[in-house]
Amino acid sequence: MGKRKSRAKPASKKRMDKLDTVFSCPFCNHGSSVECRIDMKNLIGEAICRICQENFSTTVTALTEPIDIYSEWIDECERVNTLEDDGEE
């Protein structure tokens, strides 16, 4: 005699951890002061420091997350700093 067929258990859904929406400012180094907002109606992402009032705006897509906006801001700051360093020499 054969074994009875058991029902397959449904696959459990993997839980995705939430990404941060608040970051430290690259200008004033104040922790948790930069807030990223995404305006999907106008396709604009904005990162604003609540302490020193520095801000950065960029275009967004449907897949853009707040960490992407902050990362672009950091990359842009590094790019500008390397251009200034090259110009001084």
C-alpha atoms as a PDB file:
ATOM      1  CA  MET A   1       0.000   0.000   0.000  1.00  0.00           C
ATOM      2  CA  GLY A   2       1.115   3.520  -0.768  1.00  0.00           C
ATOM      3  CA  LYS A   3       1.375   6.585   1.411  1.00  0.00           C
ATOM      4  CA  ARG A   4      -1.377   9.133   1.547  1.00  0.00           C
ATOM      5  CA  LYS A   5      -0.622  12.342  -0.266  1.00  0.00           C
ATOM      6  CA  SER A   6      -0.170  15.243   2.078  1.00  0.00           C
ATOM      7  CA  ARG A   7      -1.307  18.726   1.190  1.00  0.00           C
ATOM      8  CA  ALA A   8       1.414  21.153   0.308  1.00  0.00           C
ATOM      9  CA  LYS A   9       1.669  23.967   2.831  1.00  0.00           C
ATOM     10  CA  PRO A  10       1.342  27.450   1.332  1.00  0.00           C
ATOM     11  CA  ALA A  11       4.641  29.277   1.031  1.00  0.00           C
ATOM     12  CA  SER A  12       5.148  31.865   3.736  1.00  0.00           C
ATOM     13  CA  LYS A  13       5.580  35.424   2.551  1.00  0.00           C
ATOM     14  CA  LYS A  14       8.970  36.934   3.286  1.00  0.00           C
ATOM     15  CA  ARG A  15       8.647  40.117   5.253  1.00  0.00           C
ATOM     16  CA  MET A  16      10.520  43.089   3.830  1.00  0.00           C
ATOM     17  CA  ASP A  17      12.111  45.424   6.345  1.00  0.00           C
ATOM     18  CA  LYS A  18      11.157  49.081   6.041  1.00  0.00           C
ATOM     19  CA  LEU A  19      13.883  51.377   4.759  1.00  0.00           C
ATOM     20  CA  ASP A  20      14.789  54.583   6.576  1.00  0.00           C
ATOM     21  CA  THR A  21      13.228  57.887   5.546  1.00  0.00           C
ATOM     22  CA  VAL A  22      15.277  60.067   7.925  1.00  0.00           C
ATOM     23  CA  PHE A  23      19.054  60.449   7.546  1.00  0.00           C
ATOM     24  CA  SER A  24      22.024  62.506   8.793  1.00  0.00           C
ATOM     25  CA  CYS A  25      22.869  65.764   7.027  1.00  0.00           C
ATOM     26  CA  PRO A  26      26.102  65.828   4.955  1.00  0.00           C
ATOM     27  CA  PHE A  27      26.562  69.561   5.682  1.00  0.00           C
ATOM     28  CA  CYS A  28      25.836  69.996   9.403  1.00  0.00           C
ATOM     29  CA  ASN A  29      26.379  66.305  10.389  1.00  0.00           C
ATOM     30  CA  HIS A  30      23.267  66.405  12.568  1.00  0.00           C
ATOM     31  CA  GLY A  31      21.826  62.902  12.910  1.00  0.00           C
ATOM     32  CA  SER A  32      18.230  62.214  11.879  1.00  0.00           C
ATOM     33  CA  SER A  33      17.698  65.708  10.505  1.00  0.00           C
ATOM     34  CA  VAL A  34      17.251  65.032   6.777  1.00  0.00           C
ATOM     35  CA  GLU A  35      13.775  64.028   5.715  1.00  0.00           C
ATOM     36  CA  CYS A  36      13.090  62.683   2.234  1.00  0.00           C
ATOM     37  CA  ARG A  37       9.759  63.287   0.532  1.00  0.00           C
ATOM     38  CA  ILE A  38       8.508  61.892  -2.759  1.00  0.00           C
ATOM     39  CA  ASP A  39       5.870  63.722  -4.804  1.00  0.00           C
ATOM     40  CA  MET A  40       4.670  61.150  -7.323  1.00  0.00           C
ATOM     41  CA  LYS A  41       2.202  63.596  -8.888  1.00  0.00           C
ATOM     42  CA  ASN A  42       5.007  65.894 -10.048  1.00  0.00           C
ATOM     43  CA  LEU A  43       7.722  63.157 -10.106  1.00  0.00           C
ATOM     44  CA  ILE A  44       9.977  65.103  -7.730  1.00  0.00           C
ATOM     45  CA  GLY A  45      11.957  63.761  -4.796  1.00  0.00           C
ATOM     46  CA  GLU A  46      13.237  66.164  -2.170  1.00  0.00           C
ATOM     47  CA  ALA A  47      15.655  65.809   0.751  1.00  0.00           C
ATOM     48  CA  ILE A  48      15.552  68.643   3.312  1.00  0.00           C
ATOM     49  CA  CYS A  49      17.635  69.192   6.469  1.00  0.00           C
ATOM     50  CA  ARG A  50      15.528  70.541   9.337  1.00  0.00           C
ATOM     51  CA  ILE A  51      18.573  72.071  11.059  1.00  0.00           C
ATOM     52  CA  CYS A  52      20.601  73.906   8.386  1.00  0.00           C
ATOM     53  CA  GLN A  53      17.788  74.133   5.763  1.00  0.00           C
ATOM     54  CA  GLU A  54      19.915  72.594   3.000  1.00  0.00           C
ATOM     55  CA  ASN A  55      17.854  70.810   0.370  1.00  0.00           C
ATOM     56  CA  PHE A  56      18.252  68.639  -2.717  1.00  0.00           C
ATOM     57  CA  SER A  57      15.685  67.874  -5.425  1.00  0.00           C
ATOM     58  CA  THR A  58      15.754  65.223  -8.113  1.00  0.00           C
ATOM     59  CA  THR A  59      13.418  63.468 -10.510  1.00  0.00           C
ATOM     60  CA  VAL A  60      11.904  60.170  -9.381  1.00  0.00           C
ATOM     61  CA  THR A  61      10.282  57.100 -10.886  1.00  0.00           C
ATOM     62  CA  ALA A  62       7.710  54.681  -9.507  1.00  0.00           C
ATOM     63  CA  LEU A  63      10.513  52.543  -8.050  1.00  0.00           C
ATOM     64  CA  THR A  64      12.339  55.364  -6.235  1.00  0.00           C
ATOM     65  CA  GLU A  65      12.669  55.085  -2.444  1.00  0.00           C
ATOM     66  CA  PRO A  66      13.794  57.784   0.040  1.00  0.00           C
ATOM     67  CA  ILE A  67      17.218  56.120   0.380  1.00  0.00           C
ATOM     68  CA  ASP A  68      17.703  56.598  -3.379  1.00  0.00           C
ATOM     69  CA  ILE A  69      17.137  60.349  -3.084  1.00  0.00           C
ATOM     70  CA  TYR A  70      19.560  60.610  -0.164  1.00  0.00           C
ATOM     71  CA  SER A  71      22.171  58.520  -2.007  1.00  0.00           C
ATOM     72  CA  GLU A  72      21.915  60.768  -5.069  1.00  0.00           C
ATOM     73  CA  TRP A  73      22.434  63.797  -2.811  1.00  0.00           C
ATOM     74  CA  ILE A  74      25.555  62.256  -1.266  1.00  0.00           C
ATOM     75  CA  ASP A  75      26.879  61.312  -4.719  1.00  0.00           C
ATOM     76  CA  GLU A  76      26.282  64.860  -5.978  1.00  0.00           C
ATOM     77  CA  CYS A  77      28.100  66.329  -2.946  1.00  0.00           C
ATOM     78  CA  GLU A  78      31.085  64.048  -3.570  1.00  0.00           C
ATOM     79  CA  ARG A  79      31.096  64.938  -7.280  1.00  0.00           C
ATOM     80  CA  VAL A  80      31.113  68.673  -6.512  1.00  0.00           C
ATOM     81  CA  ASN A  81      33.873  68.227  -3.915  1.00  0.00           C
ATOM     82  CA  THR A  82      36.094  66.347  -6.355  1.00  0.00           C
ATOM     83  CA  LEU A  83      35.538  69.050  -9.006  1.00  0.00           C
ATOM     84  CA  GLU A  84      36.565  71.733  -6.501  1.00  0.00           C
ATOM     85  CA  ASP A  85      39.649  69.753  -5.464  1.00  0.00           C
ATOM     86  CA  ASP A  86      40.717  69.355  -9.108  1.00  0.00           C
ATOM     87  CA  GLY A  87      40.200  73.068  -9.795  1.00  0.00           C
ATOM     88  CA  GLU A  88      42.409  74.213  -6.908  1.00  0.00           C
ATOM     89  CA  GLU A  89      45.516  72.374  -8.079  1.00  0.00           C
END
